[in-house]
C-alpha atoms as a PDB file:
ATOM      1  CA  MET A   1    -138.020 -19.854  22.707  1.00  0.00           C
ATOM      2  CA  ALA A   2    -134.569 -18.339  22.079  1.00  0.00           C
ATOM      3  CA  ASP A   3    -135.730 -14.974  23.562  1.00  0.00           C
ATOM      4  CA  ALA A   4    -136.938 -16.811  26.699  1.00  0.00           C
ATOM      5  CA  ARG A   5    -133.643 -18.529  27.104  1.00  0.00           C
ATOM      6  CA  THR A   6    -131.722 -15.293  26.528  1.00  0.00           C
ATOM      7  CA  GLU A   7    -133.905 -13.548  29.107  1.00  0.00           C
ATOM      8  CA  ARG A   8    -133.390 -16.364  31.667  1.00  0.00           C
ATOM      9  CA  TRP A   9    -129.598 -16.170  31.107  1.00  0.00           C
ATOM     10  CA  ALA A  10    -129.570 -12.429  31.524  1.00  0.00           C
ATOM     11  CA  GLY A  11    -131.415 -12.808  34.812  1.00  0.00           C
ATOM     12  CA  HIS A  12    -129.103 -15.543  35.985  1.00  0.00           C
ATOM     13  CA  ARG A  13    -126.038 -13.453  35.008  1.00  0.00           C
ATOM     14  CA  VAL A  14    -127.236 -10.484  37.082  1.00  0.00           C
ATOM     15  CA  GLU A  15    -127.963 -12.664  40.103  1.00  0.00           C
ATOM     16  CA  MET A  16    -124.565 -14.441  39.822  1.00  0.00           C
ATOM     17  CA  ARG A  17    -122.705 -11.147  39.522  1.00  0.00           C
ATOM     18  CA  ARG A  18    -124.453  -9.934  42.649  1.00  0.00           C
ATOM     19  CA  GLN A  19    -123.719 -13.056  44.606  1.00  0.00           C
ATOM     20  CA  LEU A  20    -120.086 -13.091  43.556  1.00  0.00           C
ATOM     21  CA  ALA A  21    -119.693  -9.374  44.375  1.00  0.00           C
ATOM     22  CA  GLN A  22    -121.029 -10.086  47.892  1.00  0.00           C
ATOM     23  CA  SER A  23    -118.647 -13.022  48.271  1.00  0.00           C
ATOM     24  CA  ALA A  24    -115.761 -10.752  47.238  1.00  0.00           C
ATOM     25  CA  MET A  25    -116.837  -8.189  49.838  1.00  0.00           C
ATOM     26  CA  ARG A  26    -116.735 -10.902  52.486  1.00  0.00           C
ATOM     27  CA  ALA A  27    -113.367 -12.120  51.320  1.00  0.00           C
ATOM     28  CA  ILE A  28    -112.007  -8.520  51.294  1.00  0.00           C
ATOM     29  CA  GLU A  29    -113.262  -7.944  54.713  1.00  0.00           C
ATOM     30  CA  ARG A  30    -111.826 -11.198  56.114  1.00  0.00           C
ATOM     31  CA  ILE A  31    -108.484 -11.169  54.248  1.00  0.00           C
ATOM     32  CA  GLY A  32    -107.846  -7.580  53.390  1.00  0.00           C
ATOM     33  CA  PRO A  33    -107.835  -5.339  50.276  1.00  0.00           C
ATOM     34  CA  GLN A  34    -105.094  -7.346  48.648  1.00  0.00           C
ATOM     35  CA  VAL A  35    -107.352 -10.358  48.353  1.00  0.00           C
ATOM     36  CA  SER A  36    -106.632 -12.544  45.252  1.00  0.00           C
ATOM     37  CA  MET A  37    -109.303 -13.880  42.749  1.00  0.00           C
ATOM     38  CA  ARG A  38    -108.449 -17.348  43.947  1.00  0.00           C
ATOM     39  CA  GLU A  39    -109.373 -16.359  47.551  1.00  0.00           C
ATOM     40  CA  ILE A  40    -112.597 -14.748  46.286  1.00  0.00           C
ATOM     41  CA  ALA A  41    -113.498 -17.923  44.430  1.00  0.00           C
ATOM     42  CA  ALA A  42    -112.816 -19.950  47.590  1.00  0.00           C
ATOM     43  CA  GLU A  43    -115.198 -17.655  49.616  1.00  0.00           C
ATOM     44  CA  ALA A  44    -117.909 -18.004  46.885  1.00  0.00           C
ATOM     45  CA  LYS A  45    -117.243 -21.826  46.779  1.00  0.00           C
ATOM     46  CA  VAL A  46    -116.848 -21.817  42.960  1.00  0.00           C
ATOM     47  CA  PRO A  47    -113.903 -22.649  40.734  1.00  0.00           C
ATOM     48  CA  LYS A  48    -111.774 -19.636  39.864  1.00  0.00           C
ATOM     49  CA  PRO A  49    -112.736 -19.774  36.132  1.00  0.00           C
ATOM     50  CA  THR A  50    -116.393 -19.311  37.096  1.00  0.00           C
ATOM     51  CA  ILE A  51    -115.645 -15.772  38.241  1.00  0.00           C
ATOM     52  CA  TYR A  52    -114.212 -14.966  34.831  1.00  0.00           C
ATOM     53  CA  ARG A  53    -117.376 -16.186  33.261  1.00  0.00           C
ATOM     54  CA  PHE A  54    -119.258 -13.268  34.963  1.00  0.00           C
ATOM     55  CA  PHE A  55    -116.426 -10.679  35.259  1.00  0.00           C
ATOM     56  CA  LYS A  56    -113.835  -9.959  32.539  1.00  0.00           C
ATOM     57  CA  ASP A  57    -111.204  -8.973  35.088  1.00  0.00           C
ATOM     58  CA  LYS A  58    -110.659  -7.766  38.641  1.00  0.00           C
ATOM     59  CA  ALA A  59    -111.469  -4.212  37.707  1.00  0.00           C
ATOM     60  CA  ASP A  60    -114.904  -5.409  36.494  1.00  0.00           C
ATOM     61  CA  LEU A  61    -115.453  -7.162  39.761  1.00  0.00           C
ATOM     62  CA  ALA A  62    -114.405  -4.027  41.647  1.00  0.00           C
ATOM     63  CA  SER A  63    -117.020  -2.027  39.758  1.00  0.00           C
ATOM     64  CA  ALA A  64    -119.713  -4.609  40.882  1.00  0.00           C
ATOM     65  CA  ILE A  65    -118.500  -4.249  44.453  1.00  0.00           C
ATOM     66  CA  ALA A  66    -118.753  -0.477  44.138  1.00  0.00           C
ATOM     67  CA  ASP A  67    -122.332  -0.887  42.892  1.00  0.00           C
ATOM     68  CA  GLN A  68    -123.261  -3.021  45.889  1.00  0.00           C
ATOM     69  CA  ALA A  69    -121.677  -0.414  48.185  1.00  0.00           C
ATOM     70  CA  LYS A  70    -123.684   2.209  46.375  1.00  0.00           C
ATOM     71  CA  GLU A  71    -126.857   0.299  47.173  1.00  0.00           C
ATOM     72  CA  ASP A  72    -125.839   0.111  50.849  1.00  0.00           C
ATOM     73  CA  VAL A  73    -125.390   4.029  50.939  1.00  0.00           C
ATOM     74  CA  ILE A  74    -128.758   4.488  49.344  1.00  0.00           C
ATOM     75  CA  GLY A  75    -130.167   2.135  51.852  1.00  0.00           C
ATOM     76  CA  GLU A  76    -128.892   4.429  54.631  1.00  0.00           C
ATOM     77  CA  LEU A  77    -130.603   7.350  52.956  1.00  0.00           C
ATOM     78  CA  VAL A  78    -133.877   5.419  52.781  1.00  0.00           C
ATOM     79  CA  LYS A  79    -133.500   4.847  56.574  1.00  0.00           C
ATOM     80  CA  ALA A  80    -132.978   8.621  56.908  1.00  0.00           C
ATOM     81  CA  ARG A  81    -136.321   9.184  55.167  1.00  0.00           C
ATOM     82  CA  GLN A  82    -138.109   6.569  57.284  1.00  0.00           C
ATOM     83  CA  ALA A  83    -136.734   8.308  60.421  1.00  0.00           C
ATOM     84  CA  SER A  84    -138.657  11.423  59.434  1.00  0.00           C
ATOM     85  CA  VAL A  85    -135.665  13.576  58.602  1.00  0.00           C
ATOM     86  CA  GLY A  86    -137.136  17.070  58.480  1.00  0.00           C
ATOM     87  CA  THR A  87    -134.251  19.485  57.794  1.00  0.00           C
ATOM     88  CA  VAL A  88    -131.140  19.816  55.736  1.00  0.00           C
ATOM     89  CA  GLY A  89    -129.075  19.716  58.916  1.00  0.00           C
ATOM     90  CA  GLU A  90    -130.763  16.443  60.005  1.00  0.00           C
ATOM     91  CA  LEU A  91    -130.175  14.945  56.549  1.00  0.00           C
ATOM     92  CA  VAL A  92    -126.409  15.844  56.698  1.00  0.00           C
ATOM     93  CA  ASN A  93    -126.112  14.297  60.205  1.00  0.00           C
ATOM     94  CA  VAL A  94    -128.006  11.127  59.467  1.00  0.00           C
ATOM     95  CA  ALA A  95    -126.176  10.564  56.145  1.00  0.00           C
ATOM     96  CA  LEU A  96    -122.869  11.029  57.768  1.00  0.00           C
ATOM     97  CA  THR A  97    -123.746   8.738  60.652  1.00  0.00           C
ATOM     98  CA  GLY A  98    -124.891   6.001  58.271  1.00  0.00           C
ATOM     99  CA  TYR A  99    -121.730   6.338  56.210  1.00  0.00           C
ATOM    100  CA  ALA A 100    -119.465   6.137  59.259  1.00  0.00           C
ATOM    101  CA  ALA A 101    -121.441   3.018  60.420  1.00  0.00           C
ATOM    102  CA  LEU A 102    -120.837   1.389  57.015  1.00  0.00           C
ATOM    103  CA  ILE A 103    -117.075   2.093  57.344  1.00  0.00           C
ATOM    104  CA  ILE A 104    -117.027   0.433  60.763  1.00  0.00           C
ATOM    105  CA  GLY A 105    -118.875  -2.597  59.389  1.00  0.00           C
ATOM    106  CA  HIS A 106    -116.687  -2.928  56.281  1.00  0.00           C
ATOM    107  CA  PRO A 107    -113.328  -1.139  56.754  1.00  0.00           C
ATOM    108  CA  ASN A 108    -111.416  -3.233  54.287  1.00  0.00           C
ATOM    109  CA  VAL A 109    -114.052  -2.831  51.589  1.00  0.00           C
ATOM    110  CA  PHE A 110    -113.918   0.903  52.195  1.00  0.00           C
ATOM    111  CA  LYS A 111    -110.155   0.917  51.685  1.00  0.00           C
ATOM    112  CA  PHE A 112    -110.419  -1.323  48.596  1.00  0.00           C
ATOM    113  CA  LEU A 113    -112.995   0.934  46.923  1.00  0.00           C
ATOM    114  CA  LEU A 114    -111.876   4.381  47.811  1.00  0.00           C
ATOM    115  CA  PHE A 115    -108.109   4.081  47.987  1.00  0.00           C
ATOM    116  CA  GLY A 116    -107.418   1.515  45.242  1.00  0.00           C
ATOM    117  CA  ILE A 117    -105.243  -0.655  47.423  1.00  0.00           C
ATOM    118  CA  ASP A 118    -105.159  -3.414  44.884  1.00  0.00           C
ATOM    119  CA  SER A 119    -104.769  -1.166  41.831  1.00  0.00           C
ATOM    120  CA  PRO A 120    -103.996   2.446  42.760  1.00  0.00           C
ATOM    121  CA  GLY A 121    -105.007   5.427  40.797  1.00  0.00           C
ATOM    122  CA  GLY A 122    -107.633   4.944  38.173  1.00  0.00           C
ATOM    123  CA  HIS A 123    -110.078   2.678  39.946  1.00  0.00           C
ATOM    124  CA  ALA A 124    -109.959   4.767  43.158  1.00  0.00           C
ATOM    125  CA  LEU A 125    -110.658   7.925  41.064  1.00  0.00           C
ATOM    126  CA  GLU A 126    -113.556   6.251  39.237  1.00  0.00           C
ATOM    127  CA  ASN A 127    -115.174   5.163  42.614  1.00  0.00           C
ATOM    128  CA  SER A 128    -114.750   8.615  44.015  1.00  0.00           C
ATOM    129  CA  ARG A 129    -116.411  10.169  40.983  1.00  0.00           C
ATOM    130  CA  ALA A 130    -119.309   7.718  41.220  1.00  0.00           C
ATOM    131  CA  ILE A 131    -119.901   8.741  44.883  1.00  0.00           C
ATOM    132  CA  ALA A 132    -119.476  12.402  43.955  1.00  0.00           C
ATOM    133  CA  ASN A 133    -122.196  11.962  41.278  1.00  0.00           C
ATOM    134  CA  GLU A 134    -124.619  10.723  43.972  1.00  0.00           C
ATOM    135  CA  ILE A 135    -123.833  13.636  46.258  1.00  0.00           C
ATOM    136  CA  ALA A 136    -124.313  16.025  43.343  1.00  0.00           C
ATOM    137  CA  LYS A 137    -127.831  14.695  42.900  1.00  0.00           C
ATOM    138  CA  ILE A 138    -128.633  15.419  46.536  1.00  0.00           C
ATOM    139  CA  LEU A 139    -127.147  18.947  46.329  1.00  0.00           C
ATOM    140  CA  SER A 140    -129.072  19.675  43.183  1.00  0.00           C
ATOM    141  CA  THR A 141    -132.325  18.565  44.789  1.00  0.00           C
ATOM    142  CA  VAL A 142    -131.736  20.657  47.904  1.00  0.00           C
ATOM    143  CA  LEU A 143    -130.862  23.750  45.959  1.00  0.00           C
ATOM    144  CA  GLU A 144    -133.657  23.502  43.524  1.00  0.00           C
ATOM    145  CA  ALA A 145    -136.212  22.708  46.307  1.00  0.00           C
ATOM    146  CA  ALA A 146    -135.059  25.885  47.940  1.00  0.00           C
ATOM    147  CA  GLY A 147    -135.619  27.932  44.709  1.00  0.00           C
ATOM    148  CA  GLY A 148    -131.940  28.202  43.701  1.00  0.00           C
ATOM    149  CA  ARG A 149    -129.855  27.182  40.721  1.00  0.00           C
ATOM    150  CA  SER A 150    -127.921  23.950  40.803  1.00  0.00           C
ATOM    151  CA  HIS A 151    -124.707  25.365  39.425  1.00  0.00           C
ATOM    152  CA  ASN A 152    -121.305  23.689  39.741  1.00  0.00           C
ATOM    153  CA  VAL A 153    -122.725  21.057  42.047  1.00  0.00           C
ATOM    154  CA  HIS A 154    -120.213  18.511  40.961  1.00  0.00           C
ATOM    155  CA  LEU A 155    -117.384  20.718  42.100  1.00  0.00           C
ATOM    156  CA  TYR A 156    -118.881  20.922  45.609  1.00  0.00           C
ATOM    157  CA  ALA A 157    -119.817  17.180  45.619  1.00  0.00           C
ATOM    158  CA  GLY A 158    -116.079  16.481  44.855  1.00  0.00           C
ATOM    159  CA  MET A 159    -115.133  18.615  47.815  1.00  0.00           C
ATOM    160  CA  VAL A 160    -117.479  16.685  50.149  1.00  0.00           C
ATOM    161  CA  VAL A 161    -115.967  13.357  48.855  1.00  0.00           C
ATOM    162  CA  GLY A 162    -112.476  14.676  49.545  1.00  0.00           C
ATOM    163  CA  VAL A 163    -113.230  15.851  52.997  1.00  0.00           C
ATOM    164  CA  VAL A 164    -115.120  12.734  54.145  1.00  0.00           C
ATOM    165  CA  THR A 165    -112.733  10.333  52.458  1.00  0.00           C
ATOM    166  CA  GLY A 166    -109.708  11.993  53.832  1.00  0.00           C
ATOM    167  CA  ALA A 167    -111.112  12.116  57.364  1.00  0.00           C
ATOM    168  CA  ALA A 168    -112.289   8.537  57.136  1.00  0.00           C
ATOM    169  CA  ASP A 169    -108.754   7.438  56.057  1.00  0.00           C
ATOM    170  CA  TRP A 170    -107.255   9.215  59.095  1.00  0.00           C
ATOM    171  CA  TRP A 171    -109.988   7.890  61.326  1.00  0.00           C
ATOM    172  CA  MET A 172    -109.629   4.273  60.250  1.00  0.00           C
ATOM    173  CA  ASN A 173    -105.777   4.399  60.689  1.00  0.00           C
ATOM    174  CA  GLY A 174    -105.721   6.062  64.138  1.00  0.00           C
ATOM    175  CA  GLU A 175    -103.336   4.435  66.563  1.00  0.00           C
ATOM    176  CA  SER A 176    -106.124   3.671  69.032  1.00  0.00           C
ATOM    177  CA  GLY A 177    -108.594   2.540  66.410  1.00  0.00           C
ATOM    178  CA  PRO A 178    -111.560   4.506  65.104  1.00  0.00           C
ATOM    179  CA  ASP A 179    -113.402   6.912  67.420  1.00  0.00           C
ATOM    180  CA  PRO A 180    -117.109   6.252  68.048  1.00  0.00           C
ATOM    181  CA  VAL A 181    -119.314   7.155  65.100  1.00  0.00           C
ATOM    182  CA  ASP A 182    -120.724  10.194  66.809  1.00  0.00           C
ATOM    183  CA  SER A 183    -117.213  11.582  67.368  1.00  0.00           C
ATOM    184  CA  PHE A 184    -116.343  11.197  63.622  1.00  0.00           C
ATOM    185  CA  VAL A 185    -119.621  12.865  62.592  1.00  0.00           C
ATOM    186  CA  ALA A 186    -119.019  15.663  65.070  1.00  0.00           C
ATOM    187  CA  HIS A 187    -115.566  16.405  63.436  1.00  0.00           C
ATOM    188  CA  VAL A 188    -116.658  16.134  59.841  1.00  0.00           C
ATOM    189  CA  GLU A 189    -120.179  17.659  59.872  1.00  0.00           C
ATOM    190  CA  PRO A 190    -119.088  21.272  60.138  1.00  0.00           C
ATOM    191  CA  ALA A 191    -116.903  20.902  57.108  1.00  0.00           C
ATOM    192  CA  VAL A 192    -119.713  19.296  55.102  1.00  0.00           C
ATOM    193  CA  ARG A 193    -122.049  22.125  56.151  1.00  0.00           C
ATOM    194  CA  ALA A 194    -119.451  24.705  55.093  1.00  0.00           C
ATOM    195  CA  ILE A 195    -119.267  23.134  51.576  1.00  0.00           C
ATOM    196  CA  THR A 196    -123.068  22.989  51.359  1.00  0.00           C
ATOM    197  CA  GLU A 197    -123.161  26.689  52.248  1.00  0.00           C
ATOM    198  CA  LEU A 198    -120.576  27.505  49.522  1.00  0.00           C
ATOM    199  CA  ALA A 199    -122.783  25.665  46.973  1.00  0.00           C
ATOM    200  CA  GLY A 200    -125.828  27.576  48.264  1.00  0.00           C
ATOM    201  CA  ARG A 201    -124.188  30.932  47.852  1.00  0.00           C
ATOM    202  CA  GLU A 202    -123.218  30.217  44.290  1.00  0.00           C
ATOM    203  CA  ALA A 203    -126.897  29.277  43.696  1.00  0.00           C
ATOM    204  CA  GLY A 204    -127.943  32.579  45.272  1.00  0.00           C
ATOM    205  CA  LEU A 205    -129.104  31.070  48.495  1.00  0.00           C
ATOM    206  CA  ASP A 206    -128.317  31.226  52.221  1.00  0.00           C
ATOM    207  CA  ILE A 207    -128.755  27.622  53.377  1.00  0.00           C
ATOM    208  CA  ASP A 208    -130.749  27.367  56.536  1.00  0.00           C
ATOM    209  CA  PHE A 209    -129.962  23.942  58.035  1.00  0.00           C
ATOM    210  CA  ASP A 210    -132.911  24.249  60.335  1.00  0.00           C
ATOM    211  CA  ALA A 211    -135.435  24.935  57.579  1.00  0.00           C
ATOM    212  CA  PRO A 212    -137.890  22.057  56.866  1.00  0.00           C
ATOM    213  CA  LEU A 213    -137.319  19.971  53.850  1.00  0.00           C
ATOM    214  CA  ALA A 214    -140.978  19.189  53.418  1.00  0.00           C
ATOM    215  CA  GLY A 215    -141.312  16.793  50.475  1.00  0.00           C
ATOM    216  CA  ALA A 216    -137.732  17.064  49.322  1.00  0.00           C
ATOM    217  CA  VAL A 217    -136.335  13.988  51.005  1.00  0.00           C
ATOM    218  CA  PRO A 218    -138.296  11.492  48.898  1.00  0.00           C
ATOM    219  CA  GLY A 219    -137.256  13.389  45.805  1.00  0.00           C
ATOM    220  CA  MET A 220    -133.577  12.995  46.840  1.00  0.00           C
ATOM    221  CA  ILE A 221    -133.946   9.267  47.310  1.00  0.00           C
ATOM    222  CA  ALA A 222    -135.667   8.997  43.844  1.00  0.00           C
ATOM    223  CA  ALA A 223    -133.014  11.156  42.197  1.00  0.00           C
ATOM    224  CA  MET A 224    -130.154   8.891  43.658  1.00  0.00           C
ATOM    225  CA  ALA A 225    -131.872   5.726  42.482  1.00  0.00           C
ATOM    226  CA  THR A 226    -132.534   7.095  38.951  1.00  0.00           C
ATOM    227  CA  PRO A 227    -129.795   6.201  36.336  1.00  0.00           C
ATOM    228  CA  GLU A 228    -128.153   9.125  34.513  1.00  0.00           C
END
């Protein structure tokens, strides 16, 4: 009986953390990256102490928000697979397009996660590393599927994060507001392709962005969804 109660509580805790993280994302988007725990509690329609039953502090909540954002990114890649992405070039384009669309939909959450508006430094770095880890999995799968060696992929994944994050920061803070998604992608895609080519050369490959991926895309999605 105790085991059953423990299992039910564990399931309840996971679900409550998910719901509270989603409420926090709504509050951040409505109020801004400097949102308080009191404002998050109001959005979730729970007393403030309830949040601390499920999150030890705001950094713990930020991690849960990052996990939710990661699920959204993976969802965009699933859409890419369902859209019959057939080449490395198409994958880069569709992934960047989906990422830009997420930024437009949740600009304040983007700033909160990637730039550490509320607590600069450490949390922003952790979030960037988590994103880079996911990109590294994609690079590894692409290189190995092409018969190369996945060497130093985390270095190149970090480069991709830096390029895309920096460009998105400039994009979101433009005086006239963000350009259309396709304009952002057109500016950033050549840089991402260049970094992919560098990773390919180190792996002993010449990346052909027009070459078919065949069965590689499902493998990429599975790799991203698999815990380290």
